[in-house]
Amino acid sequence: MPPGPVTRPKAVFLDAAGTLFESTRPVAVTYAELAQRYGMSVSSEEVSLRFSHCFATAPPMAFPDSDGQRLEALERAWWHDVVRRIFEPAGPFLRFEDYFDELFSYFARTDSWVLYDDARATLDILKRRGLILVMISNFDSRVLKIIRGLGIADHFDSVFISSSAGFAKPEAGIFHLALERHDIAADEAMHVGDSPETDVEGALRAGVRPVLLDRHGNAEHDGAIRIRGLRELMSLL
């Protein structure tokens, strides 16, 4: 059975994409429609299946001791390999480099993402209650521009991204960095995210209380409290 509610946590850790914001259009549709413009015809359904497989089997996006332009180059190369593998079964993709350039730039744009309806109001309430707010994400450094553009960057006391942190969820290391930064114990924090595999498992490994955000009613994990929207967090505080 999931553990009971947390009593007066000092910090709330939150995942980024899929928890606070989502792409304005389905990712697979964007991939497929843009590929069509560059001469590659693959259905969005096939892209979706291949994306799930290639993303899940890619090495962690974690590059210890890297920053600046080197970090950005490593992040871009990571995505280049994932996207290349997505289209491999479809045969030669002659204009792949041009395609990837536009795709990578597209998902760096703020207007490619939208906040969930409950995100800003929930962050406002958490800040008013004096909680430490930390973003812990397996996204790359593009997320920093995205959250600034979406107007939520100032809500966070710190942001930990797997690529620069050197640890990717579900590794406990990225959570330990956040706990150390704010000088809090693991049982004084909860982590909210939409992935049982990365968010819940990672929090459990670090001793942080996990909260599984299941917006679509299709995720579960015996070790986490499950909520259907961010507003339900208030009942756990």
C-alpha atoms as a PDB file:
ATOM      1  CA  MET A   1       0.000   0.000   0.000  1.00  0.00           C
ATOM      2  CA  PRO A   2       1.184   3.593  -0.647  1.00  0.00           C
ATOM      3  CA  PRO A   3       2.613   5.391   2.388  1.00  0.00           C
ATOM      4  CA  GLY A   4       0.478   7.891   4.234  1.00  0.00           C
ATOM      5  CA  PRO A   5       0.509  11.665   3.718  1.00  0.00           C
ATOM      6  CA  VAL A   6       3.682  13.617   4.398  1.00  0.00           C
ATOM      7  CA  THR A   7       3.549  15.838   7.465  1.00  0.00           C
ATOM      8  CA  ARG A   8       4.695  19.402   6.781  1.00  0.00           C
ATOM      9  CA  PRO A   9       7.445  18.837   4.220  1.00  0.00           C
ATOM     10  CA  LYS A  10      10.021  21.572   3.848  1.00  0.00           C
ATOM     11  CA  ALA A  11      10.503  21.037   0.109  1.00  0.00           C
ATOM     12  CA  VAL A  12       8.561  19.911  -2.923  1.00  0.00           C
ATOM     13  CA  PHE A  13      10.550  18.583  -5.869  1.00  0.00           C
ATOM     14  CA  LEU A  14       8.773  18.589  -9.238  1.00  0.00           C
ATOM     15  CA  ASP A  15       9.402  17.022 -12.607  1.00  0.00           C
ATOM     16  CA  ALA A  16       9.119  19.301 -15.664  1.00  0.00           C
ATOM     17  CA  ALA A  17       7.608  18.012 -18.943  1.00  0.00           C
ATOM     18  CA  GLY A  18       4.536  15.866 -18.367  1.00  0.00           C
ATOM     19  CA  THR A  19       4.098  17.307 -14.893  1.00  0.00           C
ATOM     20  CA  LEU A  20       4.099  21.102 -15.193  1.00  0.00           C
ATOM     21  CA  PHE A  21       3.863  21.531 -18.954  1.00  0.00           C
ATOM     22  CA  GLU A  22       3.350  19.551 -22.152  1.00  0.00           C
ATOM     23  CA  SER A  23       4.010  20.021 -25.854  1.00  0.00           C
ATOM     24  CA  THR A  24       1.373  22.080 -27.643  1.00  0.00           C
ATOM     25  CA  ARG A  25       0.985  19.281 -30.209  1.00  0.00           C
ATOM     26  CA  PRO A  26       1.626  15.559 -29.772  1.00  0.00           C
ATOM     27  CA  VAL A  27       5.366  14.966 -30.058  1.00  0.00           C
ATOM     28  CA  ALA A  28       4.988  12.088 -32.525  1.00  0.00           C
ATOM     29  CA  VAL A  29       2.761  14.190 -34.794  1.00  0.00           C
ATOM     30  CA  THR A  30       5.342  16.971 -34.856  1.00  0.00           C
ATOM     31  CA  TYR A  31       8.125  14.510 -35.644  1.00  0.00           C
ATOM     32  CA  ALA A  32       6.149  12.857 -38.456  1.00  0.00           C
ATOM     33  CA  GLU A  33       4.776  15.991 -40.101  1.00  0.00           C
ATOM     34  CA  LEU A  34       8.133  17.733 -40.072  1.00  0.00           C
ATOM     35  CA  ALA A  35       9.835  14.616 -41.463  1.00  0.00           C
ATOM     36  CA  GLN A  36       7.353  14.592 -44.346  1.00  0.00           C
ATOM     37  CA  ARG A  37       8.565  18.068 -45.305  1.00  0.00           C
ATOM     38  CA  TYR A  38      12.097  16.701 -45.527  1.00  0.00           C
ATOM     39  CA  GLY A  39      11.179  13.729 -47.688  1.00  0.00           C
ATOM     40  CA  MET A  40      10.640  11.020 -45.064  1.00  0.00           C
ATOM     41  CA  SER A  41       7.163   9.488 -44.781  1.00  0.00           C
ATOM     42  CA  VAL A  42       6.513   7.723 -41.472  1.00  0.00           C
ATOM     43  CA  SER A  43       3.183   7.654 -39.623  1.00  0.00           C
ATOM     44  CA  SER A  44       2.880   9.377 -36.273  1.00  0.00           C
ATOM     45  CA  GLU A  45       1.819   6.033 -34.777  1.00  0.00           C
ATOM     46  CA  GLU A  46       5.069   4.416 -35.900  1.00  0.00           C
ATOM     47  CA  VAL A  47       7.078   7.401 -34.691  1.00  0.00           C
ATOM     48  CA  SER A  48       5.375   7.122 -31.299  1.00  0.00           C
ATOM     49  CA  LEU A  49       6.308   3.451 -30.956  1.00  0.00           C
ATOM     50  CA  ARG A  50       9.860   4.028 -32.111  1.00  0.00           C
ATOM     51  CA  PHE A  51      10.268   7.094 -29.878  1.00  0.00           C
ATOM     52  CA  SER A  52       9.218   5.135 -26.793  1.00  0.00           C
ATOM     53  CA  HIS A  53      11.649   2.339 -27.611  1.00  0.00           C
ATOM     54  CA  CYS A  54      14.605   4.525 -28.577  1.00  0.00           C
ATOM     55  CA  PHE A  55      14.174   6.903 -25.655  1.00  0.00           C
ATOM     56  CA  ALA A  56      13.881   4.047 -23.158  1.00  0.00           C
ATOM     57  CA  THR A  57      16.951   2.242 -24.479  1.00  0.00           C
ATOM     58  CA  ALA A  58      19.191   5.302 -24.810  1.00  0.00           C
ATOM     59  CA  PRO A  59      21.975   5.812 -22.267  1.00  0.00           C
ATOM     60  CA  PRO A  60      21.212   8.284 -19.463  1.00  0.00           C
ATOM     61  CA  MET A  61      21.448  11.928 -20.513  1.00  0.00           C
ATOM     62  CA  ALA A  62      23.989  12.712 -17.814  1.00  0.00           C
ATOM     63  CA  PHE A  63      27.356  14.325 -18.484  1.00  0.00           C
ATOM     64  CA  PRO A  64      29.393  14.849 -15.304  1.00  0.00           C
ATOM     65  CA  ASP A  65      31.758  17.821 -15.206  1.00  0.00           C
ATOM     66  CA  SER A  66      30.386  19.342 -18.417  1.00  0.00           C
ATOM     67  CA  ASP A  67      28.993  22.825 -18.854  1.00  0.00           C
ATOM     68  CA  GLY A  68      28.613  25.640 -21.345  1.00  0.00           C
ATOM     69  CA  GLN A  69      29.049  24.857 -25.014  1.00  0.00           C
ATOM     70  CA  ARG A  70      30.448  21.393 -24.327  1.00  0.00           C
ATOM     71  CA  LEU A  71      27.303  20.457 -22.384  1.00  0.00           C
ATOM     72  CA  GLU A  72      25.040  21.783 -25.135  1.00  0.00           C
ATOM     73  CA  ALA A  73      26.999  19.809 -27.739  1.00  0.00           C
ATOM     74  CA  LEU A  74      26.670  16.604 -25.708  1.00  0.00           C
ATOM     75  CA  GLU A  75      22.931  17.136 -25.229  1.00  0.00           C
ATOM     76  CA  ARG A  76      22.435  17.761 -28.924  1.00  0.00           C
ATOM     77  CA  ALA A  77      24.466  14.667 -29.843  1.00  0.00           C
ATOM     78  CA  TRP A  78      22.363  12.573 -27.450  1.00  0.00           C
ATOM     79  CA  TRP A  79      19.153  13.694 -29.118  1.00  0.00           C
ATOM     80  CA  HIS A  80      20.687  13.331 -32.579  1.00  0.00           C
ATOM     81  CA  ASP A  81      21.331   9.653 -31.869  1.00  0.00           C
ATOM     82  CA  VAL A  82      17.841   9.039 -30.472  1.00  0.00           C
ATOM     83  CA  VAL A  83      16.085  10.723 -33.400  1.00  0.00           C
ATOM     84  CA  ARG A  84      18.338   8.995 -35.945  1.00  0.00           C
ATOM     85  CA  ARG A  85      17.431   5.616 -34.441  1.00  0.00           C
ATOM     86  CA  ILE A  86      13.720   6.446 -34.615  1.00  0.00           C
ATOM     87  CA  PHE A  87      13.855   6.699 -38.389  1.00  0.00           C
ATOM     88  CA  GLU A  88      16.395   3.921 -39.103  1.00  0.00           C
ATOM     89  CA  PRO A  89      13.818   1.233 -39.996  1.00  0.00           C
ATOM     90  CA  ALA A  90      12.273   3.533 -42.644  1.00  0.00           C
ATOM     91  CA  GLY A  91      15.416   3.515 -44.782  1.00  0.00           C
ATOM     92  CA  PRO A  92      17.715   6.337 -45.920  1.00  0.00           C
ATOM     93  CA  PHE A  93      16.755   9.787 -44.638  1.00  0.00           C
ATOM     94  CA  LEU A  94      18.717  11.938 -47.043  1.00  0.00           C
ATOM     95  CA  ARG A  95      17.893  15.277 -45.448  1.00  0.00           C
ATOM     96  CA  PHE A  96      18.147  14.093 -41.867  1.00  0.00           C
ATOM     97  CA  GLU A  97      20.618  16.752 -40.739  1.00  0.00           C
ATOM     98  CA  ASP A  98      18.395  19.583 -41.953  1.00  0.00           C
ATOM     99  CA  TYR A  99      15.400  17.875 -40.370  1.00  0.00           C
ATOM    100  CA  PHE A 100      17.124  17.411 -37.031  1.00  0.00           C
ATOM    101  CA  ASP A 101      18.281  21.041 -36.936  1.00  0.00           C
ATOM    102  CA  GLU A 102      14.712  22.273 -37.285  1.00  0.00           C
ATOM    103  CA  LEU A 103      13.288  19.670 -34.899  1.00  0.00           C
ATOM    104  CA  PHE A 104      15.796  20.459 -32.156  1.00  0.00           C
ATOM    105  CA  SER A 105      15.145  24.197 -32.515  1.00  0.00           C
ATOM    106  CA  TYR A 106      11.390  23.673 -32.499  1.00  0.00           C
ATOM    107  CA  PHE A 107      11.390  22.026 -29.087  1.00  0.00           C
ATOM    108  CA  ALA A 108      13.576  24.799 -27.677  1.00  0.00           C
ATOM    109  CA  ARG A 109      10.843  27.353 -28.400  1.00  0.00           C
ATOM    110  CA  THR A 110       8.535  28.428 -25.609  1.00  0.00           C
ATOM    111  CA  ASP A 111       5.525  28.412 -27.927  1.00  0.00           C
ATOM    112  CA  SER A 112       6.051  24.678 -28.485  1.00  0.00           C
ATOM    113  CA  TRP A 113       5.019  24.068 -24.879  1.00  0.00           C
ATOM    114  CA  VAL A 114       2.038  24.952 -22.709  1.00  0.00           C
ATOM    115  CA  LEU A 115       1.514  24.890 -18.948  1.00  0.00           C
ATOM    116  CA  TYR A 116      -1.087  22.525 -17.552  1.00  0.00           C
ATOM    117  CA  ASP A 117      -4.082  24.437 -16.230  1.00  0.00           C
ATOM    118  CA  ASP A 118      -3.233  23.658 -12.615  1.00  0.00           C
ATOM    119  CA  ALA A 119       0.508  24.318 -12.763  1.00  0.00           C
ATOM    120  CA  ARG A 120       0.878  28.040 -12.115  1.00  0.00           C
ATOM    121  CA  ALA A 121      -1.789  28.223  -9.415  1.00  0.00           C
ATOM    122  CA  THR A 122      -0.251  25.259  -7.591  1.00  0.00           C
ATOM    123  CA  LEU A 123       3.237  26.751  -7.716  1.00  0.00           C
ATOM    124  CA  ASP A 124       1.842  30.045  -6.416  1.00  0.00           C
ATOM    125  CA  ILE A 125       0.243  28.298  -3.439  1.00  0.00           C
ATOM    126  CA  LEU A 126       3.341  26.271  -2.642  1.00  0.00           C
ATOM    127  CA  LYS A 127       5.485  29.412  -2.657  1.00  0.00           C
ATOM    128  CA  ARG A 128       3.037  31.280  -0.424  1.00  0.00           C
ATOM    129  CA  ARG A 129       3.248  28.414   2.044  1.00  0.00           C
ATOM    130  CA  GLY A 130       6.998  28.925   2.249  1.00  0.00           C
ATOM    131  CA  LEU A 131       8.020  25.602   0.746  1.00  0.00           C
ATOM    132  CA  ILE A 132      11.329  25.153  -1.035  1.00  0.00           C
ATOM    133  CA  LEU A 133      10.557  24.365  -4.680  1.00  0.00           C
ATOM    134  CA  VAL A 134      13.038  22.422  -6.797  1.00  0.00           C
ATOM    135  CA  MET A 135      12.712  21.241 -10.373  1.00  0.00           C
ATOM    136  CA  ILE A 136      14.332  17.863 -11.026  1.00  0.00           C
ATOM    137  CA  SER A 137      14.204  16.920 -14.690  1.00  0.00           C
ATOM    138  CA  ASN A 138      15.718  14.534 -17.225  1.00  0.00           C
ATOM    139  CA  PHE A 139      15.222  17.260 -19.851  1.00  0.00           C
ATOM    140  CA  ASP A 140      18.253  19.076 -21.260  1.00  0.00           C
ATOM    141  CA  SER A 141      19.320  22.696 -20.768  1.00  0.00           C
ATOM    142  CA  ARG A 142      16.649  23.930 -23.200  1.00  0.00           C
ATOM    143  CA  VAL A 143      14.248  23.590 -20.284  1.00  0.00           C
ATOM    144  CA  LEU A 144      15.730  26.699 -18.665  1.00  0.00           C
ATOM    145  CA  LYS A 145      14.609  28.882 -21.554  1.00  0.00           C
ATOM    146  CA  ILE A 146      11.248  27.123 -21.672  1.00  0.00           C
ATOM    147  CA  ILE A 147      10.355  27.706 -18.034  1.00  0.00           C
ATOM    148  CA  ARG A 148      11.448  31.344 -18.289  1.00  0.00           C
ATOM    149  CA  GLY A 149       9.204  31.776 -21.312  1.00  0.00           C
ATOM    150  CA  LEU A 150       6.305  30.052 -19.567  1.00  0.00           C
ATOM    151  CA  GLY A 151       6.724  32.404 -16.613  1.00  0.00           C
ATOM    152  CA  ILE A 152       7.442  29.838 -13.889  1.00  0.00           C
ATOM    153  CA  ALA A 153      11.233  30.001 -13.529  1.00  0.00           C
ATOM    154  CA  ASP A 154      11.076  32.409 -10.587  1.00  0.00           C
ATOM    155  CA  HIS A 155       8.963  29.959  -8.593  1.00  0.00           C
ATOM    156  CA  PHE A 156      11.920  27.611  -8.203  1.00  0.00           C
ATOM    157  CA  ASP A 157      14.676  27.917  -5.638  1.00  0.00           C
ATOM    158  CA  SER A 158      16.860  25.670  -7.777  1.00  0.00           C
ATOM    159  CA  VAL A 159      16.722  23.573 -10.943  1.00  0.00           C
ATOM    160  CA  PHE A 160      18.557  20.280 -11.437  1.00  0.00           C
ATOM    161  CA  ILE A 161      18.810  18.906 -14.979  1.00  0.00           C
ATOM    162  CA  SER A 162      20.196  15.424 -15.492  1.00  0.00           C
ATOM    163  CA  SER A 163      22.607  16.422 -18.236  1.00  0.00           C
ATOM    164  CA  SER A 164      24.468  18.981 -16.108  1.00  0.00           C
ATOM    165  CA  ALA A 165      23.870  17.268 -12.759  1.00  0.00           C
ATOM    166  CA  GLY A 166      25.643  14.146 -13.976  1.00  0.00           C
ATOM    167  CA  PHE A 167      22.820  11.897 -12.754  1.00  0.00           C
ATOM    168  CA  ALA A 168      19.553  11.023 -14.495  1.00  0.00           C
ATOM    169  CA  LYS A 169      16.421   9.827 -12.743  1.00  0.00           C
ATOM    170  CA  PRO A 170      15.914   7.143 -11.470  1.00  0.00           C
ATOM    171  CA  GLU A 171      19.439   7.527 -10.086  1.00  0.00           C
ATOM    172  CA  ALA A 172      19.312   8.795  -6.533  1.00  0.00           C
ATOM    173  CA  GLY A 173      22.250  11.132  -7.118  1.00  0.00           C
ATOM    174  CA  ILE A 174      20.223  13.937  -8.664  1.00  0.00           C
ATOM    175  CA  PHE A 175      17.897  13.954  -5.637  1.00  0.00           C
ATOM    176  CA  HIS A 176      20.848  13.919  -3.251  1.00  0.00           C
ATOM    177  CA  LEU A 177      22.230  17.019  -4.955  1.00  0.00           C
ATOM    178  CA  ALA A 178      18.955  18.850  -4.320  1.00  0.00           C
ATOM    179  CA  LEU A 179      18.808  17.737  -0.702  1.00  0.00           C
ATOM    180  CA  GLU A 180      22.386  18.863  -0.109  1.00  0.00           C
ATOM    181  CA  ARG A 181      21.866  22.202  -1.855  1.00  0.00           C
ATOM    182  CA  HIS A 182      19.032  23.087   0.511  1.00  0.00           C
ATOM    183  CA  ASP A 183      20.371  21.295   3.598  1.00  0.00           C
ATOM    184  CA  ILE A 184      17.292  19.163   4.120  1.00  0.00           C
ATOM    185  CA  ALA A 185      16.823  15.502   4.984  1.00  0.00           C
ATOM    186  CA  ALA A 186      15.224  13.094   2.523  1.00  0.00           C
ATOM    187  CA  ASP A 187      12.119  12.678   4.693  1.00  0.00           C
ATOM    188  CA  GLU A 188      11.595  16.449   4.610  1.00  0.00           C
ATOM    189  CA  ALA A 189      10.899  16.418   0.854  1.00  0.00           C
ATOM    190  CA  MET A 190       8.384  14.974  -1.559  1.00  0.00           C
ATOM    191  CA  HIS A 191       8.847  14.534  -5.292  1.00  0.00           C
ATOM    192  CA  VAL A 192       6.015  14.909  -7.795  1.00  0.00           C
ATOM    193  CA  GLY A 193       6.272  13.439 -11.275  1.00  0.00           C
ATOM    194  CA  ASP A 194       4.357  11.564 -13.950  1.00  0.00           C
ATOM    195  CA  SER A 195       6.706   8.606 -14.494  1.00  0.00           C
ATOM    196  CA  PRO A 196       6.574   5.505 -12.277  1.00  0.00           C
ATOM    197  CA  GLU A 197       9.907   4.367 -13.726  1.00  0.00           C
ATOM    198  CA  THR A 198      11.934   7.534 -13.275  1.00  0.00           C
ATOM    199  CA  ASP A 199      10.137   9.832 -10.840  1.00  0.00           C
ATOM    200  CA  VAL A 200       8.752   7.334  -8.356  1.00  0.00           C
ATOM    201  CA  GLU A 201      11.664   4.898  -8.488  1.00  0.00           C
ATOM    202  CA  GLY A 202      14.208   7.700  -8.269  1.00  0.00           C
ATOM    203  CA  ALA A 203      12.540   9.304  -5.266  1.00  0.00           C
ATOM    204  CA  LEU A 204      12.271   5.961  -3.482  1.00  0.00           C
ATOM    205  CA  ARG A 205      15.968   5.258  -4.050  1.00  0.00           C
ATOM    206  CA  ALA A 206      16.806   8.617  -2.476  1.00  0.00           C
ATOM    207  CA  GLY A 207      14.439   8.189   0.452  1.00  0.00           C
ATOM    208  CA  VAL A 208      12.205  11.035  -0.754  1.00  0.00           C
ATOM    209  CA  ARG A 209       8.436  10.595  -0.573  1.00  0.00           C
ATOM    210  CA  PRO A 210       7.125  10.027  -4.142  1.00  0.00           C
ATOM    211  CA  VAL A 211       3.844  11.378  -5.465  1.00  0.00           C
ATOM    212  CA  LEU A 212       2.751   9.969  -8.827  1.00  0.00           C
ATOM    213  CA  LEU A 213       0.877  12.458 -11.005  1.00  0.00           C
ATOM    214  CA  ASP A 214      -1.488  10.360 -13.118  1.00  0.00           C
ATOM    215  CA  ARG A 215      -3.397  12.857 -15.252  1.00  0.00           C
ATOM    216  CA  HIS A 216      -4.720  10.226 -17.663  1.00  0.00           C
ATOM    217  CA  GLY A 217      -5.612   7.427 -15.285  1.00  0.00           C
ATOM    218  CA  ASN A 218      -3.171   4.904 -16.735  1.00  0.00           C
ATOM    219  CA  ALA A 219      -0.162   4.969 -14.367  1.00  0.00           C
ATOM    220  CA  GLU A 220       0.377   3.266 -11.053  1.00  0.00           C
ATOM    221  CA  HIS A 221       3.051   2.332  -8.553  1.00  0.00           C
ATOM    222  CA  ASP A 222       2.506   0.609  -5.229  1.00  0.00           C
ATOM    223  CA  GLY A 223       5.152   2.745  -3.559  1.00  0.00           C
ATOM    224  CA  ALA A 224       3.612   6.138  -4.297  1.00  0.00           C
ATOM    225  CA  ILE A 225       0.613   8.232  -3.463  1.00  0.00           C
ATOM    226  CA  ARG A 226      -1.272   8.822  -6.715  1.00  0.00           C
ATOM    227  CA  ILE A 227      -2.950  12.104  -7.622  1.00  0.00           C
ATOM    228  CA  ARG A 228      -4.887  13.058 -10.745  1.00  0.00           C
ATOM    229  CA  GLY A 229      -3.941  16.747 -10.734  1.00  0.00           C
ATOM    230  CA  LEU A 230      -1.509  19.095  -9.039  1.00  0.00           C
ATOM    231  CA  ARG A 231      -4.203  20.736  -6.926  1.00  0.00           C
ATOM    232  CA  GLU A 232      -4.520  17.471  -5.000  1.00  0.00           C
ATOM    233  CA  LEU A 233      -1.059  18.163  -3.579  1.00  0.00           C
ATOM    234  CA  MET A 234      -2.670  20.546  -1.106  1.00  0.00           C
ATOM    235  CA  SER A 235      -4.253  17.608   0.721  1.00  0.00           C
ATOM    236  CA  LEU A 236      -0.800  16.099   1.294  1.00  0.00           C
ATOM    237  CA  LEU A 237       0.781  19.193   2.848  1.00  0.00           C
END
